[in-house]
Amino acid sequence: LKTDIAWPVPLLAFIVLVAVGADYNMLLISRLREESQNNIRIGVLRTVTNTGSVITSAGLIFAASMFGLMAGTISIMTQVGLIIGIGLLLDTFIVRTIVVPTIATLVGRASWWPSTRTATHPASR
């Protein structure tokens, strides 16, 4: 059965995947910044070790719920479920676990540009 992709599906998938990706990136990078006080490579290892299971679980749960939309009979709903579900799996297993840590390691301290790092947190002053 051949069905064309409905016009709102790519737009909806883009919006949801960018929003989820930005949210997970903020969690991952803020933890990376905390863990990378002295060495960015050690910080990346600690971050991936400590947050990997949480981000993976969240991604799998969200992807499973999107794949659940495929059980319906409405074409747009099944298309959205498939595309967002696959996008979430790619984001969870490739982007979050490989791409972001690799870029952070390669870029190093420049990851924090243009902000400045202070010895104490502003809230503790």
PDB file of N, CA and C in Angstrom:
ATOM      1  N   LEU A   1       0.850  -1.181   0.000  1.00  0.00           N
ATOM      2  CA  LEU A   1       0.000   0.000   0.000  1.00  0.00           C
ATOM      3  C   LEU A   1       0.888   1.234   0.000  1.00  0.00           C
ATOM      4  N   LYS A   2       0.789   2.015  -1.059  1.00  0.00           N
ATOM      5  CA  LYS A   2       1.607   3.218  -1.201  1.00  0.00           C
ATOM      6  C   LYS A   2       0.791   4.435  -0.766  1.00  0.00           C
ATOM      7  N   THR A   3       1.376   5.185   0.165  1.00  0.00           N
ATOM      8  CA  THR A   3       0.745   6.408   0.640  1.00  0.00           C
ATOM      9  C   THR A   3       1.784   7.513   0.640  1.00  0.00           C
ATOM     10  N   ASP A   4       1.415   8.656   0.084  1.00  0.00           N
ATOM     11  CA  ASP A   4       2.315   9.805   0.113  1.00  0.00           C
ATOM     12  C   ASP A   4       2.394  10.361   1.528  1.00  0.00           C
ATOM     13  N   ILE A   5       3.534  10.991   1.833  1.00  0.00           N
ATOM     14  CA  ILE A   5       3.694  11.623   3.141  1.00  0.00           C
ATOM     15  C   ILE A   5       2.819  12.871   3.177  1.00  0.00           C
ATOM     16  N   ALA A   6       2.011  12.984   4.210  1.00  0.00           N
ATOM     17  CA  ALA A   6       1.139  14.149   4.369  1.00  0.00           C
ATOM     18  C   ALA A   6       1.998  15.391   4.614  1.00  0.00           C
ATOM     19  N   TRP A   7       1.573  16.519   4.129  1.00  0.00           N
ATOM     20  CA  TRP A   7       2.385  17.740   4.183  1.00  0.00           C
ATOM     21  C   TRP A   7       2.751  18.191   5.597  1.00  0.00           C
ATOM     22  N   PRO A   8       1.910  18.013   6.637  1.00  0.00           N
ATOM     23  CA  PRO A   8       2.335  18.498   7.961  1.00  0.00           C
ATOM     24  C   PRO A   8       3.337  17.585   8.672  1.00  0.00           C
ATOM     25  N   VAL A   9       3.528  16.378   8.182  1.00  0.00           N
ATOM     26  CA  VAL A   9       4.375  15.410   8.883  1.00  0.00           C
ATOM     27  C   VAL A   9       5.834  15.860   8.981  1.00  0.00           C
ATOM     28  N   PRO A  10       6.493  16.254   7.881  1.00  0.00           N
ATOM     29  CA  PRO A  10       7.891  16.692   8.025  1.00  0.00           C
ATOM     30  C   PRO A  10       8.046  17.902   8.942  1.00  0.00           C
ATOM     31  N   LEU A  11       7.132  18.851   8.863  1.00  0.00           N
ATOM     32  CA  LEU A  11       7.191  20.035   9.725  1.00  0.00           C
ATOM     33  C   LEU A  11       7.029  19.649  11.193  1.00  0.00           C
ATOM     34  N   LEU A  12       6.050  18.825  11.499  1.00  0.00           N
ATOM     35  CA  LEU A  12       5.821  18.383  12.867  1.00  0.00           C
ATOM     36  C   LEU A  12       7.013  17.578  13.384  1.00  0.00           C
ATOM     37  N   ALA A  13       7.545  16.686  12.556  1.00  0.00           N
ATOM     38  CA  ALA A  13       8.696  15.882  12.961  1.00  0.00           C
ATOM     39  C   ALA A  13       9.908  16.776  13.233  1.00  0.00           C
ATOM     40  N   PHE A  14      10.132  17.759  12.384  1.00  0.00           N
ATOM     41  CA  PHE A  14      11.248  18.675  12.579  1.00  0.00           C
ATOM     42  C   PHE A  14      11.108  19.426  13.902  1.00  0.00           C
ATOM     43  N   ILE A  15       9.939  19.966  14.156  1.00  0.00           N
ATOM     44  CA  ILE A  15       9.719  20.742  15.383  1.00  0.00           C
ATOM     45  C   ILE A  15       9.922  19.871  16.621  1.00  0.00           C
ATOM     46  N   VAL A  16       9.343  18.700  16.642  1.00  0.00           N
ATOM     47  CA  VAL A  16       9.453  17.818  17.812  1.00  0.00           C
ATOM     48  C   VAL A  16      10.890  17.354  18.009  1.00  0.00           C
ATOM     49  N   LEU A  17      11.552  16.924  16.939  1.00  0.00           N
ATOM     50  CA  LEU A  17      12.914  16.399  17.076  1.00  0.00           C
ATOM     51  C   LEU A  17      13.920  17.479  17.454  1.00  0.00           C
ATOM     52  N   VAL A  18      13.764  18.681  16.927  1.00  0.00           N
ATOM     53  CA  VAL A  18      14.664  19.774  17.317  1.00  0.00           C
ATOM     54  C   VAL A  18      14.430  20.156  18.777  1.00  0.00           C
ATOM     55  N   ALA A  19      13.175  20.199  19.195  1.00  0.00           N
ATOM     56  CA  ALA A  19      12.867  20.547  20.588  1.00  0.00           C
ATOM     57  C   ALA A  19      13.421  19.498  21.550  1.00  0.00           C
ATOM     58  N   VAL A  20      13.212  18.232  21.241  1.00  0.00           N
ATOM     59  CA  VAL A  20      13.718  17.162  22.104  1.00  0.00           C
ATOM     60  C   VAL A  20      15.250  17.152  22.085  1.00  0.00           C
ATOM     61  N   GLY A  21      15.837  17.327  20.909  1.00  0.00           N
ATOM     62  CA  GLY A  21      17.293  17.359  20.807  1.00  0.00           C
ATOM     63  C   GLY A  21      17.895  18.504  21.600  1.00  0.00           C
ATOM     64  N   ALA A  22      17.279  19.661  21.531  1.00  0.00           N
ATOM     65  CA  ALA A  22      17.781  20.813  22.295  1.00  0.00           C
ATOM     66  C   ALA A  22      17.656  20.566  23.787  1.00  0.00           C
ATOM     67  N   ASP A  23      16.563  19.962  24.198  1.00  0.00           N
ATOM     68  CA  ASP A  23      16.348  19.674  25.611  1.00  0.00           C
ATOM     69  C   ASP A  23      17.390  18.683  26.126  1.00  0.00           C
ATOM     70  N   TYR A  24      17.600  17.591  25.416  1.00  0.00           N
ATOM     71  CA  TYR A  24      18.601  16.606  25.829  1.00  0.00           C
ATOM     72  C   TYR A  24      20.000  17.193  25.777  1.00  0.00           C
ATOM     73  N   ASN A  25      20.273  18.032  24.783  1.00  0.00           N
ATOM     74  CA  ASN A  25      21.593  18.666  24.695  1.00  0.00           C
ATOM     75  C   ASN A  25      21.858  19.565  25.891  1.00  0.00           C
ATOM     76  N   MET A  26      20.850  20.322  26.318  1.00  0.00           N
ATOM     77  CA  MET A  26      21.040  21.184  27.492  1.00  0.00           C
ATOM     78  C   MET A  26      21.367  20.356  28.725  1.00  0.00           C
ATOM     79  N   LEU A  27      20.678  19.238  28.901  1.00  0.00           N
ATOM     80  CA  LEU A  27      20.955  18.363  30.038  1.00  0.00           C
ATOM     81  C   LEU A  27      22.375  17.799  29.952  1.00  0.00           C
ATOM     82  N   LEU A  28      22.733  17.318  28.776  1.00  0.00           N
ATOM     83  CA  LEU A  28      24.037  16.689  28.586  1.00  0.00           C
ATOM     84  C   LEU A  28      25.172  17.696  28.720  1.00  0.00           C
ATOM     85  N   ILE A  29      25.049  18.845  28.092  1.00  0.00           N
ATOM     86  CA  ILE A  29      26.127  19.832  28.100  1.00  0.00           C
ATOM     87  C   ILE A  29      26.268  20.491  29.474  1.00  0.00           C
ATOM     88  N   SER A  30      25.161  20.722  30.172  1.00  0.00           N
ATOM     89  CA  SER A  30      25.294  21.301  31.505  1.00  0.00           C
ATOM     90  C   SER A  30      26.001  20.329  32.439  1.00  0.00           C
ATOM     91  N   ARG A  31      25.713  19.048  32.315  1.00  0.00           N
ATOM     92  CA  ARG A  31      26.417  18.048  33.120  1.00  0.00           C
ATOM     93  C   ARG A  31      27.881  17.949  32.689  1.00  0.00           C
ATOM     94  N   LEU A  32      28.129  18.046  31.398  1.00  0.00           N
ATOM     95  CA  LEU A  32      29.502  18.007  30.884  1.00  0.00           C
ATOM     96  C   LEU A  32      30.325  19.167  31.427  1.00  0.00           C
ATOM     97  N   ARG A  33      29.707  20.317  31.489  1.00  0.00           N
ATOM     98  CA  ARG A  33      30.421  21.484  32.015  1.00  0.00           C
ATOM     99  C   ARG A  33      30.765  21.303  33.492  1.00  0.00           C
ATOM    100  N   GLU A  34      29.850  20.726  34.250  1.00  0.00           N
ATOM    101  CA  GLU A  34      30.108  20.464  35.672  1.00  0.00           C
ATOM    102  C   GLU A  34      31.239  19.452  35.847  1.00  0.00           C
ATOM    103  N   GLU A  35      31.244  18.422  35.020  1.00  0.00           N
ATOM    104  CA  GLU A  35      32.224  17.340  35.164  1.00  0.00           C
ATOM    105  C   GLU A  35      33.589  17.679  34.570  1.00  0.00           C
ATOM    106  N   SER A  36      33.676  18.737  33.762  1.00  0.00           N
ATOM    107  CA  SER A  36      34.911  19.055  33.054  1.00  0.00           C
ATOM    108  C   SER A  36      35.688  20.194  33.698  1.00  0.00           C
ATOM    109  N   GLN A  37      35.733  20.230  34.994  1.00  0.00           N
ATOM    110  CA  GLN A  37      36.454  21.301  35.681  1.00  0.00           C
ATOM    111  C   GLN A  37      37.938  21.313  35.306  1.00  0.00           C
ATOM    112  N   ASN A  38      38.569  20.151  35.259  1.00  0.00           N
ATOM    113  CA  ASN A  38      40.005  20.087  35.011  1.00  0.00           C
ATOM    114  C   ASN A  38      40.369  19.493  33.651  1.00  0.00           C
ATOM    115  N   ASN A  39      39.618  18.497  33.199  1.00  0.00           N
ATOM    116  CA  ASN A  39      39.975  17.796  31.978  1.00  0.00           C
ATOM    117  C   ASN A  39      38.709  17.466  31.201  1.00  0.00           C
ATOM    118  N   ILE A  40      38.645  17.933  29.963  1.00  0.00           N
ATOM    119  CA  ILE A  40      37.436  17.749  29.160  1.00  0.00           C
ATOM    120  C   ILE A  40      37.196  16.277  28.827  1.00  0.00           C
ATOM    121  N   ARG A  41      38.265  15.514  28.584  1.00  0.00           N
ATOM    122  CA  ARG A  41      38.103  14.097  28.239  1.00  0.00           C
ATOM    123  C   ARG A  41      37.546  13.301  29.414  1.00  0.00           C
ATOM    124  N   ILE A  42      38.065  13.557  30.597  1.00  0.00           N
ATOM    125  CA  ILE A  42      37.542  12.884  31.787  1.00  0.00           C
ATOM    126  C   ILE A  42      36.111  13.325  32.043  1.00  0.00           C
ATOM    127  N   GLY A  43      35.836  14.609  31.818  1.00  0.00           N
ATOM    128  CA  GLY A  43      34.478  15.117  31.971  1.00  0.00           C
ATOM    129  C   GLY A  43      33.502  14.440  31.025  1.00  0.00           C
ATOM    130  N   VAL A  44      33.914  14.211  29.774  1.00  0.00           N
ATOM    131  CA  VAL A  44      33.056  13.530  28.804  1.00  0.00           C
ATOM    132  C   VAL A  44      32.782  12.102  29.261  1.00  0.00           C
ATOM    133  N   LEU A  45      33.816  11.413  29.705  1.00  0.00           N
ATOM    134  CA  LEU A  45      33.626  10.031  30.179  1.00  0.00           C
ATOM    135  C   LEU A  45      32.674   9.972  31.372  1.00  0.00           C
ATOM    136  N   ARG A  46      32.866  10.861  32.321  1.00  0.00           N
ATOM    137  CA  ARG A  46      31.982  10.889  33.496  1.00  0.00           C
ATOM    138  C   ARG A  46      30.550  11.239  33.111  1.00  0.00           C
ATOM    139  N   THR A  47      30.412  12.207  32.223  1.00  0.00           N
ATOM    140  CA  THR A  47      29.080  12.641  31.807  1.00  0.00           C
ATOM    141  C   THR A  47      28.331  11.526  31.108  1.00  0.00           C
ATOM    142  N   VAL A  48      28.985  10.878  30.153  1.00  0.00           N
ATOM    143  CA  VAL A  48      28.322   9.803  29.414  1.00  0.00           C
ATOM    144  C   VAL A  48      27.996   8.642  30.354  1.00  0.00           C
ATOM    145  N   THR A  49      28.899   8.350  31.280  1.00  0.00           N
ATOM    146  CA  THR A  49      28.650   7.268  32.237  1.00  0.00           C
ATOM    147  C   THR A  49      27.476   7.591  33.156  1.00  0.00           C
ATOM    148  N   ASN A  50      27.443   8.810  33.669  1.00  0.00           N
ATOM    149  CA  ASN A  50      26.420   9.183  34.652  1.00  0.00           C
ATOM    150  C   ASN A  50      25.062   9.500  34.045  1.00  0.00           C
ATOM    151  N   THR A  51      25.029  10.058  32.848  1.00  0.00           N
ATOM    152  CA  THR A  51      23.747  10.457  32.265  1.00  0.00           C
ATOM    153  C   THR A  51      23.278   9.533  31.151  1.00  0.00           C
ATOM    154  N   GLY A  52      24.140   8.632  30.708  1.00  0.00           N
ATOM    155  CA  GLY A  52      23.800   7.767  29.578  1.00  0.00           C
ATOM    156  C   GLY A  52      22.530   6.972  29.772  1.00  0.00           C
ATOM    157  N   SER A  53      22.383   6.359  30.936  1.00  0.00           N
ATOM    158  CA  SER A  53      21.202   5.525  31.160  1.00  0.00           C
ATOM    159  C   SER A  53      19.921   6.356  31.253  1.00  0.00           C
ATOM    160  N   VAL A  54      20.023   7.542  31.823  1.00  0.00           N
ATOM    161  CA  VAL A  54      18.833   8.397  31.952  1.00  0.00           C
ATOM    162  C   VAL A  54      18.382   8.893  30.582  1.00  0.00           C
ATOM    163  N   ILE A  55      19.322   9.401  29.797  1.00  0.00           N
ATOM    164  CA  ILE A  55      18.973   9.920  28.472  1.00  0.00           C
ATOM    165  C   ILE A  55      18.515   8.786  27.559  1.00  0.00           C
ATOM    166  N   THR A  56      19.162   7.626  27.643  1.00  0.00           N
ATOM    167  CA  THR A  56      18.754   6.487  26.829  1.00  0.00           C
ATOM    168  C   THR A  56      17.358   6.017  27.210  1.00  0.00           C
ATOM    169  N   SER A  57      17.078   5.936  28.492  1.00  0.00           N
ATOM    170  CA  SER A  57      15.743   5.521  28.940  1.00  0.00           C
ATOM    171  C   SER A  57      14.676   6.498  28.462  1.00  0.00           C
ATOM    172  N   ALA A  58      14.944   7.788  28.619  1.00  0.00           N
ATOM    173  CA  ALA A  58      13.973   8.795  28.180  1.00  0.00           C
ATOM    174  C   ALA A  58      13.741   8.705  26.672  1.00  0.00           C
ATOM    175  N   GLY A  59      14.821   8.538  25.911  1.00  0.00           N
ATOM    176  CA  GLY A  59      14.692   8.425  24.463  1.00  0.00           C
ATOM    177  C   GLY A  59      13.918   7.189  24.048  1.00  0.00           C
ATOM    178  N   LEU A  60      14.190   6.060  24.704  1.00  0.00           N
ATOM    179  CA  LEU A  60      13.473   4.824  24.377  1.00  0.00           C
ATOM    180  C   LEU A  60      11.993   4.913  24.721  1.00  0.00           C
ATOM    181  N   ILE A  61      11.685   5.505  25.865  1.00  0.00           N
ATOM    182  CA  ILE A  61      10.280   5.640  26.272  1.00  0.00           C
ATOM    183  C   ILE A  61       9.523   6.549  25.305  1.00  0.00           C
ATOM    184  N   PHE A  62      10.152   7.673  24.952  1.00  0.00           N
ATOM    185  CA  PHE A  62       9.499   8.599  24.021  1.00  0.00           C
ATOM    186  C   PHE A  62       9.352   7.964  22.639  1.00  0.00           C
ATOM    187  N   ALA A  63      10.390   7.252  22.173  1.00  0.00           N
ATOM    188  CA  ALA A  63      10.315   6.586  20.868  1.00  0.00           C
ATOM    189  C   ALA A  63       9.227   5.514  20.882  1.00  0.00           C
ATOM    190  N   ALA A  64       9.129   4.746  21.962  1.00  0.00           N
ATOM    191  CA  ALA A  64       8.093   3.716  22.051  1.00  0.00           C
ATOM    192  C   ALA A  64       6.694   4.322  22.004  1.00  0.00           C
ATOM    193  N   SER A  65       6.528   5.464  22.663  1.00  0.00           N
ATOM    194  CA  SER A  65       5.210   6.106  22.620  1.00  0.00           C
ATOM    195  C   SER A  65       4.896   6.623  21.216  1.00  0.00           C
ATOM    196  N   MET A  66       5.919   7.086  20.502  1.00  0.00           N
ATOM    197  CA  MET A  66       5.691   7.534  19.130  1.00  0.00           C
ATOM    198  C   MET A  66       5.374   6.353  18.221  1.00  0.00           C
ATOM    199  N   PHE A  67       6.122   5.242  18.401  1.00  0.00           N
ATOM    200  CA  PHE A  67       5.815   4.046  17.615  1.00  0.00           C
ATOM    201  C   PHE A  67       4.415   3.526  17.928  1.00  0.00           C
ATOM    202  N   GLY A  68       3.923   3.786  19.127  1.00  0.00           N
ATOM    203  CA  GLY A  68       2.563   3.402  19.483  1.00  0.00           C
ATOM    204  C   GLY A  68       1.517   4.088  18.630  1.00  0.00           C
ATOM    205  N   LEU A  69       1.835   5.259  18.113  1.00  0.00           N
ATOM    206  CA  LEU A  69       0.900   5.957  17.221  1.00  0.00           C
ATOM    207  C   LEU A  69       0.663   5.176  15.932  1.00  0.00           C
ATOM    208  N   MET A  70       1.597   4.289  15.600  1.00  0.00           N
ATOM    209  CA  MET A  70       1.464   3.527  14.362  1.00  0.00           C
ATOM    210  C   MET A  70       0.357   2.476  14.432  1.00  0.00           C
ATOM    211  N   ALA A  71      -0.151   2.214  15.624  1.00  0.00           N
ATOM    212  CA  ALA A  71      -1.231   1.237  15.765  1.00  0.00           C
ATOM    213  C   ALA A  71      -2.570   1.787  15.276  1.00  0.00           C
ATOM    214  N   GLY A  72      -2.631   3.106  15.104  1.00  0.00           N
ATOM    215  CA  GLY A  72      -3.869   3.725  14.649  1.00  0.00           C
ATOM    216  C   GLY A  72      -4.100   3.539  13.165  1.00  0.00           C
ATOM    217  N   THR A  73      -5.229   4.035  12.704  1.00  0.00           N
ATOM    218  CA  THR A  73      -5.587   3.900  11.289  1.00  0.00           C
ATOM    219  C   THR A  73      -5.508   5.224  10.539  1.00  0.00           C
ATOM    220  N   ILE A  74      -5.227   6.295  11.250  1.00  0.00           N
ATOM    221  CA  ILE A  74      -5.134   7.600  10.601  1.00  0.00           C
ATOM    222  C   ILE A  74      -3.740   7.727   9.999  1.00  0.00           C
ATOM    223  N   SER A  75      -3.681   7.994   8.718  1.00  0.00           N
ATOM    224  CA  SER A  75      -2.422   8.002   7.979  1.00  0.00           C
ATOM    225  C   SER A  75      -1.396   8.988   8.551  1.00  0.00           C
ATOM    226  N   ILE A  76      -1.825  10.205   8.842  1.00  0.00           N
ATOM    227  CA  ILE A  76      -0.899  11.214   9.370  1.00  0.00           C
ATOM    228  C   ILE A  76      -0.333  10.756  10.712  1.00  0.00           C
ATOM    229  N   MET A  77      -1.168  10.158  11.538  1.00  0.00           N
ATOM    230  CA  MET A  77      -0.738   9.703  12.850  1.00  0.00           C
ATOM    231  C   MET A  77       0.319   8.600  12.725  1.00  0.00           C
ATOM    232  N   THR A  78       0.116   7.664  11.836  1.00  0.00           N
ATOM    233  CA  THR A  78       1.092   6.579  11.672  1.00  0.00           C
ATOM    234  C   THR A  78       2.402   7.110  11.087  1.00  0.00           C
ATOM    235  N   GLN A  79       2.315   8.063  10.177  1.00  0.00           N
ATOM    236  CA  GLN A  79       3.520   8.647   9.597  1.00  0.00           C
ATOM    237  C   GLN A  79       4.325   9.418  10.646  1.00  0.00           C
ATOM    238  N   VAL A  80       3.635  10.208  11.447  1.00  0.00           N
ATOM    239  CA  VAL A  80       4.296  10.961  12.516  1.00  0.00           C
ATOM    240  C   VAL A  80       4.958  10.008  13.501  1.00  0.00           C
ATOM    241  N   GLY A  81       4.248   8.956  13.885  1.00  0.00           N
ATOM    242  CA  GLY A  81       4.799   7.978  14.815  1.00  0.00           C
ATOM    243  C   GLY A  81       6.065   7.332  14.295  1.00  0.00           C
ATOM    244  N   LEU A  82       6.064   6.936  13.039  1.00  0.00           N
ATOM    245  CA  LEU A  82       7.233   6.281  12.452  1.00  0.00           C
ATOM    246  C   LEU A  82       8.414   7.238  12.336  1.00  0.00           C
ATOM    247  N   ILE A  83       8.198   8.413  11.774  1.00  0.00           N
ATOM    248  CA  ILE A  83       9.302   9.341  11.528  1.00  0.00           C
ATOM    249  C   ILE A  83       9.890   9.865  12.835  1.00  0.00           C
ATOM    250  N   ILE A  84       9.055  10.279  13.761  1.00  0.00           N
ATOM    251  CA  ILE A  84       9.568  10.792  15.035  1.00  0.00           C
ATOM    252  C   ILE A  84      10.192   9.659  15.846  1.00  0.00           C
ATOM    253  N   GLY A  85       9.606   8.475  15.820  1.00  0.00           N
ATOM    254  CA  GLY A  85      10.176   7.335  16.538  1.00  0.00           C
ATOM    255  C   GLY A  85      11.577   6.997  16.042  1.00  0.00           C
ATOM    256  N   ILE A  86      11.760   6.931  14.740  1.00  0.00           N
ATOM    257  CA  ILE A  86      13.086   6.654  14.176  1.00  0.00           C
ATOM    258  C   ILE A  86      14.048   7.795  14.498  1.00  0.00           C
ATOM    259  N   GLY A  87      13.571   9.031  14.374  1.00  0.00           N
ATOM    260  CA  GLY A  87      14.412  10.188  14.696  1.00  0.00           C
ATOM    261  C   GLY A  87      14.870  10.174  16.144  1.00  0.00           C
ATOM    262  N   LEU A  88      13.990   9.792  17.060  1.00  0.00           N
ATOM    263  CA  LEU A  88      14.354   9.719  18.476  1.00  0.00           C
ATOM    264  C   LEU A  88      15.386   8.632  18.738  1.00  0.00           C
ATOM    265  N   LEU A  89      15.267   7.502  18.068  1.00  0.00           N
ATOM    266  CA  LEU A  89      16.258   6.431  18.229  1.00  0.00           C
ATOM    267  C   LEU A  89      17.623   6.870  17.703  1.00  0.00           C
ATOM    268  N   LEU A  90      17.636   7.540  16.553  1.00  0.00           N
ATOM    269  CA  LEU A  90      18.899   8.057  16.016  1.00  0.00           C
ATOM    270  C   LEU A  90      19.510   9.083  16.968  1.00  0.00           C
ATOM    271  N   ASP A  91      18.665   9.958  17.479  1.00  0.00           N
ATOM    272  CA  ASP A  91      19.136  10.978  18.420  1.00  0.00           C
ATOM    273  C   ASP A  91      19.683  10.339  19.694  1.00  0.00           C
ATOM    274  N   THR A  92      18.976   9.345  20.207  1.00  0.00           N
ATOM    275  CA  THR A  92      19.369   8.701  21.463  1.00  0.00           C
ATOM    276  C   THR A  92      20.662   7.911  21.322  1.00  0.00           C
ATOM    277  N   PHE A  93      20.774   7.101  20.276  1.00  0.00           N
ATOM    278  CA  PHE A  93      21.899   6.180  20.180  1.00  0.00           C
ATOM    279  C   PHE A  93      23.087   6.687  19.367  1.00  0.00           C
ATOM    280  N   ILE A  94      22.887   7.663  18.505  1.00  0.00           N
ATOM    281  CA  ILE A  94      24.013   8.162  17.702  1.00  0.00           C
ATOM    282  C   ILE A  94      24.418   9.561  18.134  1.00  0.00           C
ATOM    283  N   VAL A  95      23.475  10.486  18.135  1.00  0.00           N
ATOM    284  CA  VAL A  95      23.812  11.880  18.452  1.00  0.00           C
ATOM    285  C   VAL A  95      24.247  12.037  19.905  1.00  0.00           C
ATOM    286  N   ARG A  96      23.435  11.566  20.843  1.00  0.00           N
ATOM    287  CA  ARG A  96      23.720  11.777  22.263  1.00  0.00           C
ATOM    288  C   ARG A  96      24.899  10.964  22.774  1.00  0.00           C
ATOM    289  N   THR A  97      25.103   9.770  22.231  1.00  0.00           N
ATOM    290  CA  THR A  97      26.168   8.913  22.757  1.00  0.00           C
ATOM    291  C   THR A  97      27.475   9.003  21.986  1.00  0.00           C
ATOM    292  N   ILE A  98      27.424   9.439  20.724  1.00  0.00           N
ATOM    293  CA  ILE A  98      28.649   9.474  19.915  1.00  0.00           C
ATOM    294  C   ILE A  98      28.993  10.886  19.452  1.00  0.00           C
ATOM    295  N   VAL A  99      28.068  11.544  18.769  1.00  0.00           N
ATOM    296  CA  VAL A  99      28.376  12.814  18.111  1.00  0.00           C
ATOM    297  C   VAL A  99      28.675  13.938  19.112  1.00  0.00           C
ATOM    298  N   VAL A 100      27.778  14.168  20.066  1.00  0.00           N
ATOM    299  CA  VAL A 100      27.972  15.275  21.013  1.00  0.00           C
ATOM    300  C   VAL A 100      29.226  15.082  21.865  1.00  0.00           C
ATOM    301  N   PRO A 101      29.453  13.894  22.464  1.00  0.00           N
ATOM    302  CA  PRO A 101      30.694  13.729  23.223  1.00  0.00           C
ATOM    303  C   PRO A 101      31.957  13.868  22.361  1.00  0.00           C
ATOM    304  N   THR A 102      31.905  13.395  21.122  1.00  0.00           N
ATOM    305  CA  THR A 102      33.065  13.512  20.240  1.00  0.00           C
ATOM    306  C   THR A 102      33.364  14.968  19.910  1.00  0.00           C
ATOM    307  N   ILE A 103      32.343  15.724  19.583  1.00  0.00           N
ATOM    308  CA  ILE A 103      32.549  17.142  19.271  1.00  0.00           C
ATOM    309  C   ILE A 103      33.057  17.889  20.499  1.00  0.00           C
ATOM    310  N   ALA A 104      32.485  17.595  21.664  1.00  0.00           N
ATOM    311  CA  ALA A 104      32.934  18.261  22.897  1.00  0.00           C
ATOM    312  C   ALA A 104      34.401  17.953  23.165  1.00  0.00           C
ATOM    313  N   THR A 105      34.826  16.722  22.939  1.00  0.00           N
ATOM    314  CA  THR A 105      36.221  16.343  23.159  1.00  0.00           C
ATOM    315  C   THR A 105      37.130  17.028  22.151  1.00  0.00           C
ATOM    316  N   LEU A 106      36.729  17.075  20.899  1.00  0.00           N
ATOM    317  CA  LEU A 106      37.558  17.695  19.861  1.00  0.00           C
ATOM    318  C   LEU A 106      37.670  19.209  20.034  1.00  0.00           C
ATOM    319  N   VAL A 107      36.578  19.836  20.400  1.00  0.00           N
ATOM    320  CA  VAL A 107      36.565  21.289  20.548  1.00  0.00           C
ATOM    321  C   VAL A 107      37.225  21.718  21.859  1.00  0.00           C
ATOM    322  N   GLY A 108      37.085  20.885  22.890  1.00  0.00           N
ATOM    323  CA  GLY A 108      37.734  21.160  24.171  1.00  0.00           C
ATOM    324  C   GLY A 108      37.157  22.367  24.879  1.00  0.00           C
ATOM    325  N   ARG A 109      38.025  23.185  25.453  1.00  0.00           N
ATOM    326  CA  ARG A 109      37.602  24.352  26.245  1.00  0.00           C
ATOM    327  C   ARG A 109      36.841  25.388  25.410  1.00  0.00           C
ATOM    328  N   ALA A 110      37.028  25.371  24.105  1.00  0.00           N
ATOM    329  CA  ALA A 110      36.300  26.312  23.251  1.00  0.00           C
ATOM    330  C   ALA A 110      34.790  26.048  23.270  1.00  0.00           C
ATOM    331  N   SER A 111      34.385  24.901  23.797  1.00  0.00           N
ATOM    332  CA  SER A 111      32.953  24.592  23.914  1.00  0.00           C
ATOM    333  C   SER A 111      32.227  25.619  24.767  1.00  0.00           C
ATOM    334  N   TRP A 112      32.950  26.220  25.698  1.00  0.00           N
ATOM    335  CA  TRP A 112      32.316  27.138  26.636  1.00  0.00           C
ATOM    336  C   TRP A 112      32.365  28.583  26.155  1.00  0.00           C
ATOM    337  N   TRP A 113      32.953  28.852  24.993  1.00  0.00           N
ATOM    338  CA  TRP A 113      33.006  30.198  24.472  1.00  0.00           C
ATOM    339  C   TRP A 113      31.596  30.662  24.160  1.00  0.00           C
ATOM    340  N   PRO A 114      31.202  31.870  24.361  1.00  0.00           N
ATOM    341  CA  PRO A 114      31.919  33.047  24.814  1.00  0.00           C
ATOM    342  C   PRO A 114      31.801  33.286  26.311  1.00  0.00           C
ATOM    343  N   SER A 115      31.184  32.364  27.035  1.00  0.00           N
ATOM    344  CA  SER A 115      31.039  32.586  28.473  1.00  0.00           C
ATOM    345  C   SER A 115      32.383  32.410  29.179  1.00  0.00           C
ATOM    346  N   THR A 116      32.468  32.977  30.361  1.00  0.00           N
ATOM    347  CA  THR A 116      33.686  32.818  31.150  1.00  0.00           C
ATOM    348  C   THR A 116      33.402  31.921  32.327  1.00  0.00           C
ATOM    349  N   ARG A 117      34.370  31.168  32.703  1.00  0.00           N
ATOM    350  CA  ARG A 117      34.229  30.268  33.853  1.00  0.00           C
ATOM    351  C   ARG A 117      34.754  30.985  35.078  1.00  0.00           C
ATOM    352  N   THR A 118      34.003  30.952  36.131  1.00  0.00           N
ATOM    353  CA  THR A 118      34.431  31.563  37.375  1.00  0.00           C
ATOM    354  C   THR A 118      34.804  30.480  38.370  1.00  0.00           C
ATOM    355  N   ALA A 119      35.620  30.853  39.357  1.00  0.00           N
ATOM    356  CA  ALA A 119      36.057  29.870  40.345  1.00  0.00           C
ATOM    357  C   ALA A 119      34.898  29.433  41.229  1.00  0.00           C
ATOM    358  N   THR A 120      33.973  30.333  41.499  1.00  0.00           N
ATOM    359  CA  THR A 120      32.819  29.991  42.318  1.00  0.00           C
ATOM    360  C   THR A 120      31.555  30.257  41.526  1.00  0.00           C
ATOM    361  N   HIS A 121      30.547  29.544  41.869  1.00  0.00           N
ATOM    362  CA  HIS A 121      29.257  29.728  41.216  1.00  0.00           C
ATOM    363  C   HIS A 121      28.667  31.052  41.683  1.00  0.00           C
ATOM    364  N   PRO A 122      28.060  31.843  40.775  1.00  0.00           N
ATOM    365  CA  PRO A 122      27.510  33.158  41.158  1.00  0.00           C
ATOM    366  C   PRO A 122      26.496  33.078  42.298  1.00  0.00           C
ATOM    367  N   ALA A 123      25.765  31.981  42.399  1.00  0.00           N
ATOM    368  CA  ALA A 123      24.760  31.859  43.456  1.00  0.00           C
ATOM    369  C   ALA A 123      25.396  31.667  44.827  1.00  0.00           C
ATOM    370  N   SER A 124      26.657  31.227  44.861  1.00  0.00           N
ATOM    371  CA  SER A 124      27.302  30.959  46.146  1.00  0.00           C
ATOM    372  C   SER A 124      27.999  32.192  46.712  1.00  0.00           C
ATOM    373  N   ARG A 125      27.947  33.290  46.004  1.00  0.00           N
ATOM    374  CA  ARG A 125      28.609  34.511  46.508  1.00  0.00           C
ATOM    375  C   ARG A 125      27.777  35.215  47.535  1.00  0.00           C
TER     376      ARG A 125
END
